Protein backbone atom coordinates (compact mmCIF):
# COMPACT_ATOMS: atom_id res chain seq x y z
CA UNK A 1 -44.76 -107.09 50.85
CA UNK A 2 -43.88 -103.99 48.91
CA UNK A 3 -45.58 -100.73 49.77
CA UNK A 4 -46.29 -98.51 46.82
CA UNK A 5 -46.66 -94.80 47.20
CA UNK A 6 -48.79 -93.01 44.68
CA UNK A 7 -46.79 -90.10 43.34
CA UNK A 8 -48.63 -87.43 41.44
CA UNK A 9 -46.80 -85.22 39.00
CA UNK A 10 -46.65 -81.57 39.88
CA UNK A 11 -47.91 -79.04 37.33
CA UNK A 12 -46.02 -76.20 39.00
CA UNK A 13 -45.87 -73.86 41.95
CA UNK A 14 -46.60 -70.22 42.65
CA UNK A 15 -45.22 -68.21 45.53
CA UNK A 16 -46.98 -65.08 46.74
CA UNK A 17 -44.79 -62.47 48.43
CA UNK A 18 -46.00 -61.01 51.76
CA UNK A 19 -48.99 -63.36 51.85
CA UNK A 20 -49.50 -65.87 54.66
CA UNK A 21 -51.73 -68.92 55.04
CA UNK A 22 -53.96 -67.09 57.51
CA UNK A 23 -54.41 -64.03 55.28
CA UNK A 24 -58.17 -63.44 54.62
CA UNK A 25 -57.60 -63.04 50.87
CA UNK A 26 -55.74 -66.35 50.70
CA UNK A 27 -58.50 -68.09 52.66
CA UNK A 28 -61.10 -66.78 50.18
CA UNK A 29 -59.04 -68.22 47.29
CA UNK A 30 -58.89 -71.58 49.07
CA UNK A 31 -62.65 -71.61 49.63
CA UNK A 32 -63.31 -70.77 45.97
CA UNK A 33 -60.90 -73.51 44.93
CA UNK A 34 -62.65 -76.09 47.12
CA UNK A 35 -66.10 -74.96 45.94
CA UNK A 36 -65.11 -75.69 42.34
CA UNK A 37 -63.98 -79.22 43.35
CA UNK A 38 -60.67 -78.49 41.78
CA UNK A 39 -57.47 -80.54 42.08
CA UNK A 40 -55.29 -81.05 45.10
CA UNK A 41 -53.08 -78.29 46.43
CA UNK A 42 -50.02 -78.43 48.60
CA UNK A 43 -49.50 -75.31 50.64
CA UNK A 44 -46.25 -74.43 52.35
CA UNK A 45 -44.11 -71.58 53.50
CA UNK A 46 -41.91 -70.18 50.77
CA UNK A 47 -38.87 -67.94 51.14
CA UNK A 48 -40.90 -64.71 50.94
CA UNK A 49 -44.50 -65.78 51.41
CA UNK A 50 -46.90 -68.67 50.94
CA UNK A 51 -46.10 -71.26 48.26
CA UNK A 52 -48.87 -73.18 46.54
CA UNK A 53 -48.04 -76.32 44.53
CA UNK A 54 -50.52 -77.58 41.97
CA UNK A 55 -51.32 -80.97 40.47
CA UNK A 56 -53.42 -79.54 37.61
CA UNK A 57 -52.15 -76.89 35.19
CA UNK A 58 -55.65 -75.37 34.92
CA UNK A 59 -55.73 -74.76 38.69
CA UNK A 60 -52.35 -73.05 38.54
CA UNK A 61 -53.55 -70.78 35.72
CA UNK A 62 -56.72 -69.89 37.69
CA UNK A 63 -54.69 -68.98 40.81
CA UNK A 64 -52.31 -66.92 38.67
CA UNK A 65 -55.32 -65.02 37.32
CA UNK A 66 -56.74 -64.42 40.81
CA UNK A 67 -53.40 -63.09 41.98
CA UNK A 68 -52.98 -60.69 39.07
CA UNK A 69 -56.57 -59.45 39.45
CA UNK A 70 -55.82 -58.60 43.10
CA UNK A 71 -52.50 -56.95 42.24
CA UNK A 72 -50.34 -59.76 43.64
CA UNK A 73 -47.92 -61.06 41.07
CA UNK A 74 -46.52 -64.51 41.91
CA UNK A 75 -42.75 -64.68 42.47
CA UNK A 76 -42.09 -67.76 40.37
CA UNK A 77 -43.79 -70.33 38.25
CA UNK A 78 -42.22 -73.75 37.90
CA UNK A 79 -42.87 -75.94 34.91
CA UNK A 80 -44.21 -79.47 34.87
CA UNK A 81 -42.53 -82.31 36.67
CA UNK A 82 -41.74 -85.32 34.50
CA UNK A 83 -42.37 -88.24 36.87
């Protein structure tokens, strides 16, 4: 029997400097994201802050907008993954 793992392509990732997973502002963004029934997120620790990886490009654009509105410019923005 062969096990198949569903691999989803990644739209990109944003890393927010000096922001942690338990930061109140970050938690508000997560709650808003979940309330909109948006796509999946993968959250991890980046080199200088929290890194958020996105499946949908629209979600990544929305998070980028939230960050700029709050004066937090993301450190990097990766392009789409071609899986």
